[in-house]
Amino acid sequence: MHNGPDANFPVGKLAILLAVLQDHEWRKSVEQELTAGGYRFTIGRVGAMDMMKVIAAIETAAKNNHIIDSESYREVHAVYHAIIEALQGVGRGEVQFGNILRTVGLTFSIVRGKFAGAVQHEGDWVAVAVYGTIGAPKKGFEHETIGFGFNHI
């Protein structure tokens, strides 16, 4: 029987695994762990040269899949900051794509739940993980990238 978040596989690690394993059979195991732990989660894909389109796609997925309450500024704001933090990892510190001739093709995961650790924390946390490619807008000129953001709600 599962009793909530596992300190060995906390919300952030599970979010990263979910994004990276999007097309692998192990993804089912990650989803089972998330479900057993009482987490809310979703996975999606976005490709764009415009950073605002990437942000909008991830935020919309969080709202449409009831990861966050779209009427709660606090929840929308929390996921926005997790998205920005994840995109800083993708862009190696730069949160701009098209205006410097870069495009991204990303799988993203959003996971919400309790933070597992030595200290008991109030409320939920949201993790955003993005994995995919970044590069010049020409096939074959991209490389792998990953980003991760984590924020309290």
N, C-alpha and C. Protein backbone atom coordinates (compact mmCIF):
# COMPACT_ATOMS: atom_id res chain seq x y z
N MET A 1 0.84 -1.19 0.00
CA MET A 1 0.00 0.00 0.00
C MET A 1 0.87 1.24 0.00
N HIS A 2 0.50 2.23 -0.75
CA HIS A 2 1.26 3.47 -0.91
C HIS A 2 0.72 4.53 0.04
N ASN A 3 1.61 5.21 0.74
CA ASN A 3 1.19 6.21 1.72
C ASN A 3 1.65 7.61 1.35
N GLY A 4 1.47 8.04 0.14
CA GLY A 4 1.82 9.40 -0.24
C GLY A 4 3.20 9.49 -0.88
N PRO A 5 3.75 10.71 -0.93
CA PRO A 5 5.01 10.93 -1.63
C PRO A 5 6.16 10.11 -1.08
N ASP A 6 7.00 9.64 -1.96
CA ASP A 6 8.17 8.84 -1.62
C ASP A 6 9.39 9.76 -1.65
N ALA A 7 10.15 9.82 -0.57
CA ALA A 7 11.32 10.69 -0.51
C ALA A 7 12.37 10.30 -1.55
N ASN A 8 12.40 9.03 -1.99
CA ASN A 8 13.35 8.61 -3.01
C ASN A 8 12.91 9.05 -4.41
N PHE A 9 11.63 9.24 -4.60
CA PHE A 9 11.10 9.70 -5.88
C PHE A 9 10.12 10.84 -5.64
N PRO A 10 10.65 12.01 -5.27
CA PRO A 10 9.79 13.16 -4.99
C PRO A 10 9.17 13.72 -6.26
N VAL A 11 8.29 14.68 -6.08
CA VAL A 11 7.51 15.26 -7.17
C VAL A 11 8.40 15.73 -8.32
N GLY A 12 9.51 16.35 -8.04
CA GLY A 12 10.39 16.86 -9.10
C GLY A 12 11.00 15.76 -9.93
N LYS A 13 11.53 14.75 -9.27
CA LYS A 13 12.16 13.64 -10.00
C LYS A 13 11.13 12.92 -10.87
N LEU A 14 9.92 12.75 -10.33
CA LEU A 14 8.87 12.08 -11.11
C LEU A 14 8.47 12.92 -12.32
N ALA A 15 8.43 14.24 -12.17
CA ALA A 15 8.11 15.12 -13.30
C ALA A 15 9.17 15.01 -14.39
N ILE A 16 10.43 14.98 -13.99
CA ILE A 16 11.52 14.85 -14.97
C ILE A 16 11.43 13.51 -15.69
N LEU A 17 11.23 12.43 -14.93
CA LEU A 17 11.11 11.11 -15.55
C LEU A 17 9.93 11.05 -16.51
N LEU A 18 8.82 11.66 -16.14
CA LEU A 18 7.63 11.65 -16.99
C LEU A 18 7.91 12.33 -18.32
N ALA A 19 8.60 13.46 -18.30
CA ALA A 19 8.92 14.18 -19.54
C ALA A 19 9.92 13.41 -20.40
N VAL A 20 10.95 12.86 -19.76
CA VAL A 20 12.02 12.18 -20.50
C VAL A 20 11.54 10.84 -21.07
N LEU A 21 10.66 10.16 -20.36
CA LEU A 21 10.22 8.83 -20.77
C LEU A 21 8.92 8.85 -21.57
N GLN A 22 8.60 9.98 -22.20
CA GLN A 22 7.29 10.13 -22.84
C GLN A 22 6.94 9.02 -23.82
N ASP A 23 7.91 8.48 -24.54
CA ASP A 23 7.63 7.44 -25.53
C ASP A 23 8.16 6.06 -25.11
N HIS A 24 8.51 5.90 -23.86
CA HIS A 24 9.09 4.65 -23.38
C HIS A 24 8.07 3.90 -22.52
N GLU A 25 8.17 2.60 -22.51
CA GLU A 25 7.24 1.78 -21.73
C GLU A 25 7.35 2.06 -20.23
N TRP A 26 8.49 2.55 -19.75
CA TRP A 26 8.66 2.85 -18.32
C TRP A 26 7.78 4.02 -17.87
N ARG A 27 7.28 4.80 -18.82
CA ARG A 27 6.40 5.92 -18.47
C ARG A 27 5.20 5.44 -17.64
N LYS A 28 4.68 4.27 -17.97
CA LYS A 28 3.53 3.74 -17.23
C LYS A 28 3.85 3.56 -15.75
N SER A 29 5.06 3.12 -15.43
CA SER A 29 5.48 2.95 -14.03
C SER A 29 5.52 4.30 -13.32
N VAL A 30 6.01 5.32 -14.00
CA VAL A 30 6.05 6.66 -13.41
C VAL A 30 4.63 7.16 -13.17
N GLU A 31 3.75 6.96 -14.14
CA GLU A 31 2.36 7.39 -13.98
C GLU A 31 1.68 6.64 -12.83
N GLN A 32 1.97 5.36 -12.67
CA GLN A 32 1.41 4.59 -11.56
C GLN A 32 1.90 5.13 -10.22
N GLU A 33 3.18 5.47 -10.14
CA GLU A 33 3.75 6.04 -8.91
C GLU A 33 3.10 7.38 -8.59
N LEU A 34 2.90 8.22 -9.61
CA LEU A 34 2.25 9.51 -9.41
C LEU A 34 0.81 9.34 -8.92
N THR A 35 0.09 8.44 -9.55
CA THR A 35 -1.30 8.19 -9.16
C THR A 35 -1.37 7.66 -7.74
N ALA A 36 -0.50 6.70 -7.41
CA ALA A 36 -0.48 6.12 -6.06
C ALA A 36 -0.13 7.16 -5.01
N GLY A 37 0.71 8.14 -5.38
CA GLY A 37 1.12 9.18 -4.45
C GLY A 37 0.12 10.32 -4.32
N GLY A 38 -0.97 10.26 -5.08
CA GLY A 38 -1.99 11.30 -5.00
C GLY A 38 -1.65 12.56 -5.78
N TYR A 39 -0.70 12.47 -6.71
CA TYR A 39 -0.32 13.62 -7.51
C TYR A 39 -1.31 13.85 -8.65
N ARG A 40 -1.43 15.10 -9.05
CA ARG A 40 -2.13 15.44 -10.30
C ARG A 40 -1.04 15.72 -11.32
N PHE A 41 -1.22 15.21 -12.54
CA PHE A 41 -0.17 15.39 -13.54
C PHE A 41 -0.74 15.36 -14.95
N THR A 42 0.06 15.89 -15.86
CA THR A 42 -0.26 15.83 -17.27
C THR A 42 1.04 15.88 -18.06
N ILE A 43 0.95 15.50 -19.31
CA ILE A 43 2.10 15.52 -20.21
C ILE A 43 1.62 16.08 -21.55
N GLY A 44 2.48 16.80 -22.23
CA GLY A 44 2.10 17.38 -23.52
C GLY A 44 3.33 17.68 -24.35
N ARG A 45 3.07 18.22 -25.53
CA ARG A 45 4.15 18.58 -26.45
C ARG A 45 3.91 19.97 -27.00
N VAL A 46 5.01 20.66 -27.26
CA VAL A 46 4.93 21.98 -27.87
C VAL A 46 6.19 22.21 -28.69
N GLY A 47 6.02 22.84 -29.82
CA GLY A 47 7.14 23.23 -30.66
C GLY A 47 6.90 24.64 -31.14
N ALA A 48 7.89 25.50 -31.01
CA ALA A 48 7.71 26.89 -31.43
C ALA A 48 9.04 27.62 -31.43
N MET A 49 9.05 28.75 -32.12
CA MET A 49 10.17 29.68 -32.03
C MET A 49 9.83 30.80 -31.06
N ASP A 50 8.56 30.94 -30.73
CA ASP A 50 8.09 32.01 -29.87
C ASP A 50 7.94 31.51 -28.43
N MET A 51 8.74 32.06 -27.52
CA MET A 51 8.70 31.64 -26.13
C MET A 51 7.31 31.79 -25.54
N MET A 52 6.58 32.83 -25.91
CA MET A 52 5.24 33.05 -25.36
C MET A 52 4.30 31.91 -25.74
N LYS A 53 4.47 31.34 -26.92
CA LYS A 53 3.64 30.19 -27.32
C LYS A 53 3.95 28.96 -26.47
N VAL A 54 5.21 28.79 -26.12
CA VAL A 54 5.61 27.66 -25.28
C VAL A 54 5.01 27.83 -23.88
N ILE A 55 5.15 29.04 -23.33
CA ILE A 55 4.59 29.32 -22.00
C ILE A 55 3.08 29.10 -22.02
N ALA A 56 2.41 29.65 -23.04
CA ALA A 56 0.95 29.53 -23.13
C ALA A 56 0.51 28.07 -23.24
N ALA A 57 1.23 27.27 -24.01
CA ALA A 57 0.86 25.86 -24.18
C ALA A 57 0.95 25.10 -22.85
N ILE A 58 2.02 25.33 -22.11
CA ILE A 58 2.20 24.62 -20.84
C ILE A 58 1.18 25.11 -19.81
N GLU A 59 1.00 26.43 -19.73
CA GLU A 59 0.03 26.98 -18.78
C GLU A 59 -1.39 26.51 -19.10
N THR A 60 -1.74 26.49 -20.37
CA THR A 60 -3.06 26.03 -20.80
C THR A 60 -3.28 24.57 -20.43
N ALA A 61 -2.24 23.74 -20.62
CA ALA A 61 -2.34 22.33 -20.24
C ALA A 61 -2.58 22.18 -18.74
N ALA A 62 -1.91 23.02 -17.95
CA ALA A 62 -2.09 22.98 -16.49
C ALA A 62 -3.53 23.33 -16.12
N LYS A 63 -4.11 24.30 -16.81
CA LYS A 63 -5.49 24.71 -16.54
C LYS A 63 -6.48 23.67 -17.05
N ASN A 64 -6.33 23.25 -18.29
CA ASN A 64 -7.29 22.34 -18.91
C ASN A 64 -7.31 20.96 -18.27
N ASN A 65 -6.18 20.54 -17.71
CA ASN A 65 -6.10 19.23 -17.08
C ASN A 65 -6.27 19.30 -15.56
N HIS A 66 -6.73 20.44 -15.08
CA HIS A 66 -7.07 20.67 -13.67
C HIS A 66 -5.90 20.42 -12.72
N ILE A 67 -4.69 20.74 -13.20
CA ILE A 67 -3.52 20.70 -12.34
C ILE A 67 -3.57 21.93 -11.42
N ILE A 68 -4.02 23.04 -11.99
CA ILE A 68 -4.20 24.27 -11.23
C ILE A 68 -5.62 24.79 -11.45
N ASP A 69 -6.06 25.64 -10.55
CA ASP A 69 -7.35 26.31 -10.66
C ASP A 69 -7.14 27.57 -11.48
N SER A 70 -7.71 27.62 -12.67
CA SER A 70 -7.49 28.75 -13.58
C SER A 70 -8.05 30.06 -13.04
N GLU A 71 -8.90 30.00 -12.01
CA GLU A 71 -9.46 31.21 -11.40
C GLU A 71 -8.61 31.72 -10.23
N SER A 72 -7.62 30.96 -9.84
CA SER A 72 -6.77 31.33 -8.70
C SER A 72 -5.48 31.96 -9.20
N TYR A 73 -5.32 33.26 -8.95
CA TYR A 73 -4.10 33.95 -9.36
C TYR A 73 -2.87 33.28 -8.76
N ARG A 74 -2.95 32.90 -7.51
CA ARG A 74 -1.83 32.28 -6.81
C ARG A 74 -1.37 31.01 -7.53
N GLU A 75 -2.32 30.19 -7.98
CA GLU A 75 -1.97 28.94 -8.64
C GLU A 75 -1.42 29.18 -10.05
N VAL A 76 -2.04 30.09 -10.78
CA VAL A 76 -1.55 30.42 -12.13
C VAL A 76 -0.15 31.01 -12.04
N HIS A 77 0.05 31.89 -11.06
CA HIS A 77 1.35 32.53 -10.86
C HIS A 77 2.43 31.50 -10.51
N ALA A 78 2.09 30.54 -9.67
CA ALA A 78 3.04 29.51 -9.28
C ALA A 78 3.49 28.68 -10.47
N VAL A 79 2.55 28.27 -11.31
CA VAL A 79 2.92 27.45 -12.46
C VAL A 79 3.69 28.29 -13.48
N TYR A 80 3.35 29.57 -13.61
CA TYR A 80 4.09 30.46 -14.52
C TYR A 80 5.57 30.51 -14.12
N HIS A 81 5.85 30.68 -12.84
CA HIS A 81 7.24 30.75 -12.40
C HIS A 81 7.97 29.43 -12.59
N ALA A 82 7.28 28.31 -12.40
CA ALA A 82 7.90 27.01 -12.65
C ALA A 82 8.21 26.85 -14.14
N ILE A 83 7.34 27.34 -15.00
CA ILE A 83 7.57 27.28 -16.45
C ILE A 83 8.80 28.11 -16.83
N ILE A 84 8.86 29.34 -16.34
CA ILE A 84 9.99 30.23 -16.67
C ILE A 84 11.30 29.61 -16.20
N GLU A 85 11.29 29.04 -15.00
CA GLU A 85 12.50 28.40 -14.48
C GLU A 85 12.92 27.23 -15.37
N ALA A 86 11.96 26.43 -15.82
CA ALA A 86 12.26 25.30 -16.70
C ALA A 86 12.82 25.79 -18.03
N LEU A 87 12.25 26.85 -18.58
CA LEU A 87 12.72 27.37 -19.87
C LEU A 87 14.10 28.00 -19.76
N GLN A 88 14.47 28.50 -18.59
CA GLN A 88 15.84 28.99 -18.41
C GLN A 88 16.83 27.85 -18.56
N GLY A 89 16.46 26.66 -18.12
CA GLY A 89 17.32 25.50 -18.31
C GLY A 89 17.43 25.10 -19.77
N VAL A 90 16.31 25.15 -20.47
CA VAL A 90 16.29 24.80 -21.90
C VAL A 90 17.19 25.74 -22.69
N GLY A 91 17.09 27.03 -22.40
CA GLY A 91 17.85 28.04 -23.15
C GLY A 91 19.20 28.36 -22.54
N ARG A 92 19.64 27.55 -21.58
CA ARG A 92 20.93 27.76 -20.90
C ARG A 92 21.01 29.17 -20.32
N GLY A 93 19.95 29.56 -19.66
CA GLY A 93 19.92 30.87 -19.01
C GLY A 93 19.18 31.92 -19.80
N GLU A 94 19.09 31.75 -21.11
CA GLU A 94 18.38 32.69 -21.97
C GLU A 94 16.95 32.22 -22.14
N VAL A 95 15.99 33.10 -21.92
CA VAL A 95 14.60 32.74 -22.13
C VAL A 95 14.10 33.48 -23.37
N GLN A 96 14.77 33.21 -24.47
CA GLN A 96 14.34 33.72 -25.76
C GLN A 96 14.73 32.71 -26.82
N PHE A 97 13.89 32.60 -27.83
CA PHE A 97 14.14 31.59 -28.86
C PHE A 97 14.18 32.22 -30.25
N GLY A 98 13.02 32.52 -30.81
CA GLY A 98 12.92 32.97 -32.19
C GLY A 98 13.71 34.21 -32.52
N ASN A 99 13.74 35.18 -31.60
CA ASN A 99 14.44 36.42 -31.92
C ASN A 99 15.96 36.24 -31.96
N ILE A 100 16.46 35.08 -31.54
CA ILE A 100 17.87 34.77 -31.75
C ILE A 100 18.02 33.49 -32.58
N LEU A 101 17.00 33.26 -33.42
CA LEU A 101 16.98 32.17 -34.39
C LEU A 101 17.18 30.78 -33.78
N ARG A 102 16.39 30.51 -32.73
CA ARG A 102 16.36 29.17 -32.14
C ARG A 102 14.92 28.70 -32.10
N THR A 103 14.74 27.43 -32.27
CA THR A 103 13.42 26.83 -32.16
C THR A 103 13.50 25.64 -31.20
N VAL A 104 12.37 25.34 -30.56
CA VAL A 104 12.34 24.21 -29.63
C VAL A 104 11.24 23.25 -30.02
N GLY A 105 11.47 21.98 -29.75
CA GLY A 105 10.47 20.94 -29.84
C GLY A 105 10.53 20.20 -28.51
N LEU A 106 9.52 20.38 -27.68
CA LEU A 106 9.59 19.92 -26.30
C LEU A 106 8.43 19.03 -25.91
N THR A 107 8.73 18.05 -25.07
CA THR A 107 7.72 17.34 -24.31
C THR A 107 7.77 17.93 -22.92
N PHE A 108 6.61 18.23 -22.36
CA PHE A 108 6.59 18.80 -21.02
C PHE A 108 5.71 17.97 -20.11
N SER A 109 6.04 18.01 -18.84
CA SER A 109 5.18 17.40 -17.83
C SER A 109 4.95 18.43 -16.74
N ILE A 110 3.78 18.35 -16.16
CA ILE A 110 3.42 19.21 -15.04
C ILE A 110 2.90 18.27 -13.95
N VAL A 111 3.48 18.37 -12.76
CA VAL A 111 3.09 17.51 -11.65
C VAL A 111 2.83 18.38 -10.43
N ARG A 112 1.71 18.11 -9.78
CA ARG A 112 1.35 18.85 -8.57
C ARG A 112 1.10 17.88 -7.43
N GLY A 113 1.65 18.22 -6.26
CA GLY A 113 1.41 17.39 -5.09
C GLY A 113 2.24 17.81 -3.91
N LYS A 114 2.22 16.98 -2.90
CA LYS A 114 2.97 17.24 -1.67
C LYS A 114 4.46 17.05 -1.93
N PHE A 115 5.24 17.84 -1.23
CA PHE A 115 6.69 17.75 -1.30
C PHE A 115 7.15 16.69 -0.31
N ALA A 116 7.88 15.69 -0.79
CA ALA A 116 8.37 14.63 0.08
C ALA A 116 9.75 15.01 0.58
N GLY A 117 9.94 14.95 1.87
CA GLY A 117 11.24 15.27 2.43
C GLY A 117 11.23 15.11 3.93
N ALA A 118 12.34 15.47 4.56
CA ALA A 118 12.49 15.32 6.00
C ALA A 118 11.56 16.27 6.77
N VAL A 119 11.29 17.43 6.18
CA VAL A 119 10.46 18.44 6.83
C VAL A 119 9.07 18.42 6.21
N GLN A 120 8.04 18.43 7.02
CA GLN A 120 6.66 18.46 6.54
C GLN A 120 6.33 19.87 6.05
N HIS A 121 5.92 20.00 4.81
CA HIS A 121 5.57 21.30 4.23
C HIS A 121 4.06 21.39 4.06
N GLU A 122 3.54 22.59 4.25
CA GLU A 122 2.12 22.82 4.01
C GLU A 122 1.88 23.05 2.53
N GLY A 123 0.71 22.68 2.09
CA GLY A 123 0.30 22.98 0.72
C GLY A 123 0.98 22.11 -0.32
N ASP A 124 0.63 22.40 -1.57
CA ASP A 124 1.16 21.66 -2.70
C ASP A 124 2.31 22.40 -3.37
N TRP A 125 3.04 21.64 -4.16
CA TRP A 125 4.13 22.16 -4.98
C TRP A 125 3.82 21.78 -6.43
N VAL A 126 4.36 22.55 -7.35
CA VAL A 126 4.18 22.24 -8.77
C VAL A 126 5.56 22.15 -9.41
N ALA A 127 5.73 21.09 -10.20
CA ALA A 127 6.97 20.88 -10.93
C ALA A 127 6.66 20.89 -12.42
N VAL A 128 7.50 21.57 -13.18
CA VAL A 128 7.40 21.58 -14.64
C VAL A 128 8.73 21.08 -15.19
N ALA A 129 8.69 20.04 -15.99
CA ALA A 129 9.88 19.51 -16.63
C ALA A 129 9.67 19.57 -18.14
N VAL A 130 10.71 19.97 -18.85
CA VAL A 130 10.65 20.03 -20.32
C VAL A 130 11.88 19.31 -20.87
N TYR A 131 11.64 18.50 -21.88
CA TYR A 131 12.72 17.74 -22.50
C TYR A 131 12.47 17.73 -24.00
N GLY A 132 13.52 17.91 -24.77
CA GLY A 132 13.37 17.84 -26.22
C GLY A 132 14.59 18.36 -26.93
N THR A 133 14.33 19.16 -27.96
CA THR A 133 15.43 19.68 -28.77
C THR A 133 15.35 21.20 -28.88
N ILE A 134 16.52 21.80 -29.09
CA ILE A 134 16.64 23.23 -29.33
C ILE A 134 17.71 23.41 -30.39
N GLY A 135 17.54 24.40 -31.23
CA GLY A 135 18.57 24.66 -32.23
C GLY A 135 18.09 25.61 -33.30
N ALA A 136 18.90 25.72 -34.33
CA ALA A 136 18.55 26.55 -35.47
C ALA A 136 17.30 25.98 -36.13
N PRO A 137 16.47 26.85 -36.70
CA PRO A 137 15.21 26.36 -37.30
C PRO A 137 15.44 25.63 -38.63
N LYS A 138 16.26 24.58 -38.59
CA LYS A 138 16.55 23.77 -39.75
C LYS A 138 16.77 22.34 -39.27
N LYS A 139 16.10 21.38 -39.89
CA LYS A 139 16.18 19.98 -39.48
C LYS A 139 17.64 19.52 -39.44
N GLY A 140 18.02 18.88 -38.35
CA GLY A 140 19.36 18.39 -38.19
C GLY A 140 20.30 19.35 -37.47
N PHE A 141 19.84 20.56 -37.20
CA PHE A 141 20.68 21.57 -36.55
C PHE A 141 20.26 21.78 -35.09
N GLU A 142 19.61 20.76 -34.50
CA GLU A 142 19.18 20.89 -33.11
C GLU A 142 19.88 19.85 -32.25
N HIS A 143 19.80 20.05 -30.95
CA HIS A 143 20.36 19.09 -30.01
C HIS A 143 19.43 18.95 -28.82
N GLU A 144 19.68 17.94 -28.00
CA GLU A 144 18.83 17.69 -26.84
C GLU A 144 18.98 18.80 -25.80
N THR A 145 17.89 18.99 -25.06
CA THR A 145 17.90 19.96 -23.97
C THR A 145 16.91 19.52 -22.90
N ILE A 146 17.12 20.01 -21.70
CA ILE A 146 16.20 19.71 -20.61
C ILE A 146 16.14 20.91 -19.68
N GLY A 147 14.98 21.10 -19.08
CA GLY A 147 14.80 22.18 -18.10
C GLY A 147 13.83 21.73 -17.03
N PHE A 148 13.95 22.34 -15.86
CA PHE A 148 13.12 21.96 -14.73
C PHE A 148 12.80 23.18 -13.89
N GLY A 149 11.55 23.30 -13.49
CA GLY A 149 11.13 24.37 -12.61
C GLY A 149 10.29 23.80 -11.48
N PHE A 150 10.37 24.45 -10.32
CA PHE A 150 9.70 23.93 -9.13
C PHE A 150 9.24 25.11 -8.29
N ASN A 151 8.00 25.12 -7.88
CA ASN A 151 7.48 26.24 -7.11
C ASN A 151 6.39 25.77 -6.15
N HIS A 152 6.25 26.46 -5.05
CA HIS A 152 5.17 26.16 -4.11
C HIS A 152 3.89 26.87 -4.55
N ILE A 153 2.77 26.28 -4.20
CA ILE A 153 1.47 26.90 -4.52
C ILE A 153 0.91 27.46 -3.24
